[in-house]
Protein backbone atom coordinates (compact mmCIF):
# COMPACT_ATOMS: atom_id res chain seq x y z
CA MET A 1 68.96 3.80 -5.67
CA GLU A 2 65.54 5.35 -5.75
CA PRO A 3 65.63 9.45 -6.01
CA GLU A 4 65.03 11.16 -3.05
CA TYR A 5 62.49 14.13 -2.88
CA ASN A 6 62.30 17.10 -0.65
CA ARG A 7 58.38 17.55 -1.54
CA PRO A 8 55.78 15.02 -2.21
CA VAL A 9 55.74 12.59 -5.11
CA THR A 10 53.78 13.60 -7.57
CA MET A 11 51.72 11.80 -10.52
CA ARG A 12 54.64 13.19 -12.75
CA ASP A 13 56.95 11.64 -10.96
CA VAL A 14 55.29 8.33 -11.31
CA ALA A 15 54.69 8.49 -14.74
CA GLU A 16 58.38 9.43 -15.83
CA ARG A 17 59.22 6.19 -13.45
CA ALA A 18 56.82 4.11 -15.53
CA GLY A 19 57.44 5.71 -18.46
CA VAL A 20 53.96 6.67 -19.52
CA ASN A 21 51.72 9.96 -19.52
CA VAL A 22 50.50 11.76 -16.57
CA SER A 23 47.13 10.99 -18.05
CA THR A 24 47.35 7.26 -18.27
CA VAL A 25 48.75 7.22 -14.51
CA SER A 26 45.55 9.04 -13.45
CA ARG A 27 43.42 7.05 -15.36
CA ALA A 28 45.03 4.06 -14.25
CA LEU A 29 44.99 4.68 -10.46
CA ARG A 30 41.52 5.22 -10.82
CA GLY A 31 41.09 1.76 -12.41
CA ASP A 32 40.29 2.50 -15.70
CA ALA A 33 39.47 -0.47 -18.05
CA ARG A 34 41.22 1.47 -20.90
CA VAL A 35 44.40 1.00 -19.42
CA SER A 36 45.72 -2.51 -20.07
CA GLU A 37 46.34 -4.76 -17.05
CA ALA A 38 50.28 -4.82 -17.68
CA THR A 39 50.24 -0.97 -17.72
CA ARG A 40 48.38 -0.78 -14.38
CA ALA A 41 50.52 -3.25 -13.05
CA LYS A 42 53.82 -1.35 -14.04
CA ILE A 43 51.94 2.26 -12.80
CA ARG A 44 50.94 0.45 -9.40
CA GLU A 45 54.40 -0.80 -8.84
CA ALA A 46 56.26 2.22 -9.70
CA ALA A 47 54.03 4.41 -7.52
CA GLU A 48 54.85 1.83 -4.57
CA ALA A 49 58.42 2.08 -5.25
CA LEU A 50 58.02 5.93 -4.97
CA GLY A 51 55.84 6.03 -1.90
CA TYR A 52 52.93 7.92 -4.11
CA ARG A 53 49.98 9.20 -2.00
CA PRO A 54 47.29 10.92 -3.50
CA ASN A 55 46.34 14.18 -2.12
CA PRO A 56 43.03 13.83 -0.91
CA TYR A 57 42.14 17.38 -1.07
CA VAL A 58 43.32 17.49 -4.90
CA GLN A 59 41.67 14.44 -5.60
CA ALA A 60 38.54 15.36 -4.22
CA PHE A 61 38.42 18.72 -6.13
CA THR A 62 39.68 17.04 -9.39
CA ALA A 63 36.46 14.47 -9.05
CA HIS A 64 34.05 17.67 -8.57
CA VAL A 65 35.48 19.30 -11.33
CA ARG A 66 35.55 15.81 -14.12
CA GLY A 67 31.86 14.80 -12.84
CA TYR A 68 30.93 19.05 -13.13
CA ARG A 69 31.85 18.66 -16.68
CA ARG A 70 30.66 15.28 -17.63
CA MET A 71 27.40 15.44 -15.81
CA PRO A 72 24.62 17.68 -16.88
CA ASP A 73 22.28 19.36 -14.07
CA HIS A 74 20.26 16.56 -12.74
CA ALA A 75 22.21 13.74 -13.92
CA PRO A 76 20.55 10.25 -14.38
CA VAL A 77 21.33 7.49 -12.23
CA ALA A 78 19.67 3.71 -12.81
CA LEU A 79 17.11 2.06 -10.28
CA LEU A 80 17.13 -1.57 -11.67
CA ASN A 81 13.97 -3.39 -10.72
CA LEU A 82 13.51 -7.30 -11.34
CA TYR A 83 10.11 -7.59 -9.44
CA ASP A 84 6.93 -8.39 -11.43
CA PRO A 85 5.23 -4.52 -11.57
CA GLY A 86 1.85 -6.14 -10.58
CA ASN A 87 3.10 -8.08 -7.37
CA MET A 88 5.47 -5.39 -6.11
CA PRO A 89 5.56 -5.23 -2.20
CA SER A 90 4.74 -1.98 -0.62
CA TYR A 91 8.45 -2.10 0.94
CA ILE A 92 10.02 -2.27 -2.15
CA ARG A 93 8.22 0.59 -3.55
CA LEU A 94 9.61 2.64 -0.20
CA TYR A 95 13.13 1.34 -0.93
CA ALA A 96 12.77 3.06 -4.20
CA GLU A 97 11.22 6.37 -2.94
CA GLY A 98 14.09 6.39 -0.73
CA VAL A 99 16.52 6.19 -3.41
CA GLU A 100 14.84 8.45 -5.84
CA ALA A 101 14.59 11.47 -2.58
CA GLN A 102 18.28 10.85 -2.29
CA ALA A 103 19.03 11.00 -5.63
CA ARG A 104 16.98 14.48 -6.08
CA ALA A 105 18.86 16.05 -3.05
CA ASN A 106 22.19 15.44 -4.79
CA GLY A 107 21.25 17.04 -7.84
CA TYR A 108 20.58 13.58 -9.92
CA LYS A 109 17.40 12.26 -11.40
CA VAL A 110 16.68 8.40 -11.31
CA ASP A 111 15.68 6.33 -14.70
CA THR A 112 13.95 2.96 -13.61
CA PHE A 113 14.31 -0.26 -15.61
CA LYS A 114 12.45 -3.38 -15.01
CA LEU A 115 14.29 -6.39 -16.22
CA ASP A 116 13.60 -10.04 -15.89
CA GLY A 117 17.32 -11.09 -15.19
CA SER A 118 18.36 -12.79 -18.33
CA ARG A 119 21.41 -12.09 -19.55
CA ARG A 120 20.54 -10.91 -22.66
CA GLN A 121 18.56 -7.91 -21.10
CA PHE A 122 21.20 -7.10 -19.14
CA GLU A 123 23.52 -6.82 -22.21
CA ARG A 124 20.85 -4.37 -23.71
CA LEU A 125 20.55 -2.46 -20.35
CA LEU A 126 24.25 -1.66 -20.48
CA ARG A 127 23.97 -0.30 -24.09
CA ILE A 128 21.37 1.92 -23.15
CA LEU A 129 22.95 3.04 -19.84
CA GLN A 130 26.57 4.04 -21.69
CA THR A 131 24.06 5.94 -24.59
CA ARG A 132 22.58 8.06 -21.61
CA GLY A 133 25.71 8.63 -20.09
CA ILE A 134 24.65 6.76 -16.77
CA GLN A 135 27.42 6.09 -14.51
CA GLY A 136 25.62 4.93 -11.31
CA LEU A 137 23.10 2.23 -10.48
CA VAL A 138 21.13 0.93 -7.50
CA VAL A 139 19.72 -2.87 -7.55
CA LEU A 140 16.55 -3.52 -5.70
CA PRO A 141 16.01 -6.58 -4.03
CA VAL A 142 15.85 -9.43 -6.11
CA GLU A 143 12.67 -11.29 -6.15
CA LYS A 144 13.61 -14.65 -7.68
CA GLY A 145 17.38 -16.41 -7.63
CA SER A 146 20.25 -14.40 -6.21
CA VAL A 147 22.83 -14.29 -8.77
CA LEU A 148 22.82 -11.88 -11.73
CA PRO A 149 26.07 -12.41 -13.74
CA GLY A 150 25.12 -10.12 -16.27
CA LEU A 151 25.98 -7.05 -13.72
CA GLU A 152 29.74 -8.40 -13.36
CA THR A 153 30.85 -6.37 -16.51
CA PHE A 154 29.38 -2.99 -16.17
CA PRO A 155 31.57 -0.58 -15.57
CA LEU A 156 29.59 1.64 -13.47
CA ALA A 157 29.23 3.09 -10.03
CA MET A 158 27.02 0.32 -8.28
CA ALA A 159 25.19 -0.81 -4.98
CA ALA A 160 22.30 -3.24 -3.97
CA ILE A 161 19.79 -2.92 -1.13
CA ASP A 162 19.20 -5.86 1.15
CA TYR A 163 20.86 -9.29 1.36
CA THR A 164 18.93 -10.73 -1.60
CA LEU A 165 21.86 -10.20 -4.58
CA LYS A 166 24.61 -12.96 -3.84
CA SER A 167 26.57 -12.54 -6.96
CA PRO A 168 28.34 -10.19 -8.19
CA CYS A 169 29.36 -8.86 -4.74
CA LEU A 170 28.38 -4.95 -4.45
CA HIS A 171 28.17 -2.86 -1.98
CA ARG A 172 24.82 -2.80 -0.46
CA ALA A 173 22.65 -1.13 2.21
CA THR A 174 20.69 -3.27 4.05
CA PRO A 175 18.43 -3.64 7.30
CA SER A 176 20.22 -4.07 10.33
CA TYR A 177 18.28 -7.47 10.70
CA PHE A 178 20.12 -8.76 13.38
CA GLN A 179 20.01 -5.67 15.68
CA ASN A 180 16.29 -5.24 14.55
CA MET A 181 15.50 -8.81 16.21
CA ASP A 182 17.53 -8.00 19.67
CA LEU A 183 15.26 -4.65 19.61
CA ALA A 184 12.45 -6.86 19.28
CA LEU A 185 13.42 -9.43 22.19
CA ARG A 186 14.32 -6.52 24.62
CA GLN A 187 10.94 -4.70 23.96
CA ALA A 188 9.26 -7.91 24.24
CA ASN A 189 10.97 -8.71 27.58
CA ARG A 190 10.16 -4.99 28.88
CA LEU A 191 6.63 -5.73 27.98
CA GLY A 192 6.52 -8.84 30.33
CA TYR A 193 7.14 -11.39 27.73
CA ARG A 194 9.30 -14.54 28.98
CA ARG A 195 8.29 -17.30 26.51
CA ILE A 196 8.82 -15.91 23.26
CA GLY A 197 8.47 -17.99 19.91
CA PHE A 198 9.90 -16.68 16.38
CA PHE A 199 8.10 -17.94 13.69
CA THR A 200 10.01 -18.22 10.17
CA PHE A 201 10.18 -20.12 7.10
CA ARG A 202 13.18 -21.34 5.29
CA GLU A 203 13.22 -19.32 1.82
CA GLU A 204 13.11 -16.53 4.47
CA VAL A 205 16.14 -17.90 6.65
CA GLU A 206 18.22 -18.24 3.24
CA ARG A 207 17.15 -14.85 1.73
CA ILE A 208 18.54 -12.71 4.46
CA SER A 209 21.37 -14.89 5.44
CA SER A 210 20.23 -16.12 8.77
CA HIS A 211 20.31 -12.64 10.48
CA TRP A 212 17.18 -12.99 12.43
CA LEU A 213 17.62 -16.75 13.04
CA GLY A 214 20.91 -15.79 14.64
CA ALA A 215 20.04 -13.16 16.81
CA PHE A 216 17.02 -15.37 18.22
CA ALA A 217 19.18 -18.14 18.76
CA SER A 218 21.97 -16.71 20.48
CA TRP A 219 19.40 -14.69 22.75
CA SER A 220 17.58 -18.08 23.61
CA MET A 221 20.75 -19.54 24.81
CA LEU A 222 21.12 -17.16 27.51
CA GLN A 223 17.82 -17.48 29.03
CA PRO A 224 16.64 -19.88 31.37
CA ALA A 225 15.40 -23.35 29.69
CA SER A 226 11.83 -22.91 31.08
CA ASP A 227 11.79 -19.65 28.89
CA GLN A 228 13.20 -21.13 25.75
CA VAL A 229 10.73 -21.79 22.79
CA PRO A 230 12.10 -23.56 19.53
CA VAL A 231 11.86 -21.84 16.48
CA HIS A 232 9.05 -22.65 14.24
CA PHE A 233 10.07 -23.14 10.50
CA ASN A 234 7.45 -23.41 8.03
CA GLU A 235 7.94 -24.42 4.62
CA PHE A 236 5.08 -22.22 3.30
CA THR A 237 7.27 -20.41 0.75
CA GLY A 238 5.73 -16.91 1.04
CA GLU A 239 3.84 -17.12 -2.35
CA HIS A 240 0.32 -17.31 -2.86
CA HIS A 241 -0.85 -20.04 -4.80
CA SER A 242 -4.19 -21.23 -5.94
CA GLY A 243 -5.43 -24.67 -6.86
CA VAL A 244 -6.59 -27.77 -4.87
CA LYS A 245 -3.11 -28.68 -3.99
CA ALA A 246 -2.13 -25.42 -2.71
CA ASP A 247 -5.46 -24.94 -0.70
CA LYS A 248 -4.60 -28.66 0.85
CA ASP A 249 -0.67 -27.25 1.44
CA TRP A 250 -1.86 -24.18 2.96
CA LYS A 251 -3.81 -25.70 5.59
CA GLN A 252 -0.99 -28.47 6.13
CA TYR A 253 0.98 -24.99 7.14
CA ARG A 254 -1.49 -23.71 8.92
CA SER A 255 -1.94 -27.03 10.87
CA HIS A 256 1.54 -27.07 11.78
CA PHE A 257 1.94 -23.55 13.05
CA LEU A 258 -1.10 -24.32 15.52
CA ARG A 259 0.22 -27.51 16.88
CA TRP A 260 3.54 -25.63 17.46
CA VAL A 261 1.76 -22.87 19.30
CA ASP A 262 -0.35 -25.50 21.25
CA SER A 263 2.71 -27.86 22.34
CA GLU A 264 5.08 -24.78 23.21
CA ARG A 265 2.79 -22.24 24.70
CA PRO A 266 4.69 -18.78 23.58
CA GLU A 267 3.42 -15.72 25.36
CA VAL A 268 4.41 -13.74 22.27
CA ILE A 269 5.31 -14.66 18.77
CA ILE A 270 7.59 -12.88 16.71
CA SER A 271 7.15 -13.02 12.76
CA ASN A 272 7.72 -11.20 9.41
CA ASP A 273 4.66 -12.26 7.94
CA THR A 274 0.84 -11.50 8.65
CA PHE A 275 -0.65 -14.77 8.15
CA SER A 276 0.51 -16.30 11.36
CA LEU A 277 -1.16 -13.52 13.21
CA GLU A 278 -4.21 -14.34 11.25
CA TRP A 279 -4.29 -18.20 11.95
CA LEU A 280 -4.27 -17.22 15.63
CA ARG A 281 -7.08 -15.18 15.13
CA SER A 282 -9.01 -17.39 12.92
CA GLU A 283 -8.81 -20.02 15.98
CA GLY A 284 -10.33 -17.48 18.26
CA ILE A 285 -7.07 -16.46 19.99
CA ASP A 286 -6.92 -13.22 21.77
CA VAL A 287 -4.20 -10.88 20.31
CA PRO A 288 -2.52 -9.57 22.46
CA GLY A 289 -5.00 -11.00 25.25
CA GLU A 290 -3.82 -14.57 25.29
CA ILE A 291 -0.72 -14.41 22.74
CA GLY A 292 1.05 -11.15 21.51
CA PHE A 293 2.43 -10.53 18.25
CA ILE A 294 5.47 -8.49 16.98
CA HIS A 295 6.21 -8.07 13.37
CA LEU A 296 9.39 -7.79 12.10
CA GLY A 297 9.09 -5.70 8.97
CA LEU A 298 6.34 -2.64 9.36
CA ASN A 299 6.84 -0.05 6.75
CA GLY A 300 4.54 2.48 8.18
CA GLU A 301 1.77 1.12 6.37
CA ASP A 302 0.45 -1.43 9.06
CA PRO A 303 -1.73 0.37 11.37
CA GLY A 304 -2.10 -1.09 14.60
CA LEU A 305 0.81 -3.84 14.92
CA SER A 306 3.51 -3.78 17.09
CA GLY A 307 6.86 -4.25 16.11
CA ILE A 308 9.66 -3.07 14.14
CA ASP A 309 9.95 -0.53 11.40
CA GLN A 310 12.78 -0.99 9.23
CA ASN A 311 13.13 2.54 7.91
CA HIS A 312 13.01 1.23 4.29
CA ARG A 313 13.18 5.05 2.54
CA GLU A 314 16.56 5.39 4.56
CA ILE A 315 18.02 2.27 3.37
CA GLY A 316 17.31 3.38 -0.38
CA ALA A 317 18.85 6.35 0.51
CA ALA A 318 21.96 4.67 1.86
CA ALA A 319 22.31 3.02 -1.40
CA MET A 320 22.19 5.92 -3.28
CA ASP A 321 24.90 7.20 -1.06
CA LEU A 322 27.02 4.81 -1.85
CA VAL A 323 26.66 4.71 -5.70
CA LEU A 324 27.30 8.52 -5.52
CA GLY A 325 30.27 8.32 -3.28
CA GLN A 326 31.60 5.90 -5.62
CA ILE A 327 30.95 8.37 -8.54
CA HIS A 328 32.93 11.07 -7.15
CA ALA A 329 36.00 8.97 -6.13
CA ASN A 330 35.87 7.56 -9.64
CA GLN A 331 35.06 3.93 -8.74
CA PHE A 332 33.43 1.68 -11.47
CA GLY A 333 32.57 -1.68 -11.49
CA VAL A 334 32.42 -4.90 -9.20
CA PRO A 335 34.70 -3.84 -6.03
CA ALA A 336 37.18 -5.90 -4.85
CA HIS A 337 36.24 -5.50 -1.37
CA MET A 338 32.47 -5.40 -0.94
CA LYS A 339 31.01 -2.97 2.12
CA THR A 340 27.48 -2.91 4.20
CA VAL A 341 25.84 -0.29 5.39
CA LEU A 342 23.35 -1.31 7.93
CA VAL A 343 20.62 0.63 8.98
CA TYR A 344 18.74 0.13 12.38
CA GLY A 345 15.11 0.32 12.81
CA GLY A 346 12.96 1.63 15.44
CA TRP A 347 10.15 0.24 17.82
CA VAL A 348 6.65 0.71 17.06
CA GLU A 349 4.18 -0.26 19.70
CA GLY A 350 1.12 -1.02 18.49
CA ASN A 351 -2.48 -2.97 19.60
CA THR A 352 -0.69 -6.57 19.12
CA THR A 353 1.38 -6.76 22.40
CA ARG A 354 0.51 -6.14 25.81
CA LYS A 355 0.64 -2.27 27.13
CA LEU A 356 3.92 -1.53 29.41
CA HIS A 357 2.66 -0.57 32.78
CA ARG A 358 4.20 2.65 33.50
């Protein structure tokens, strides 16, 4: 028969039941890899049998003291950047600025590491991080590929930005793509647009897991048939190429887009790239007089464009908060259950859409 306590069950009770030290119980319940899986299983079984529940106030204080002793002032956290430094989009820089600002606000500093994604580089990076006593890592969006197996063994508090990293499954902060598309559609309706078109390309749909496409498709299904405009999928990869074949392909992409515009007659086009806007203007189409244009990924550096500001700095800050929360809770490594923080964007009224008549 289990002993009955007239008080809350403590770690010492669990330690006596499992036949181990109290410090071993503490490490095991934090998921410390230095405790064998067999011992951790025995401790979990004892804790469940006794009905042990950690005291959240003691747990928070202990984490604070442990962190205070272990981490000097302005302790470092790592920022992993896999983009080519010479070809880094402005929104990636804004993500990084958000990470760094939130780290400073919490007494941390950011060490940035640029890698090409090879496993050997990850092994070397882990040694460097451990030598420097770095416990946290934020992963910026992945440019090429979507799997970074080198991160699977990192005993760090980690978080990714955006949906580009598919494996390992880390906690992440990301633009709320579905809600941002919904906001763009509602604003377009408020401005009097009825036939609303969406221009995208397949790589983009795969990169953000169809969130924009899903929002547009669900909204379109509820519109009158006369207002529905089929999505234009372009095979354009988003990369700028050079050479005769690339020039020929570019003209083909442009030609397909303009044929879609001519046949479907959208009143406004929603897109995440400005080259479609350039194609419209190159044909002498008046924007917004003839066709409006809404950009889905504004970053504060696109003067004059109407669209959605994704709040990239706030997303970087949210990713940093995810990492710091894990550090304070002594949770390290790839999580058993990934969670996602969505940051909503805001509408920016520019000169590529008609004005709202008040």
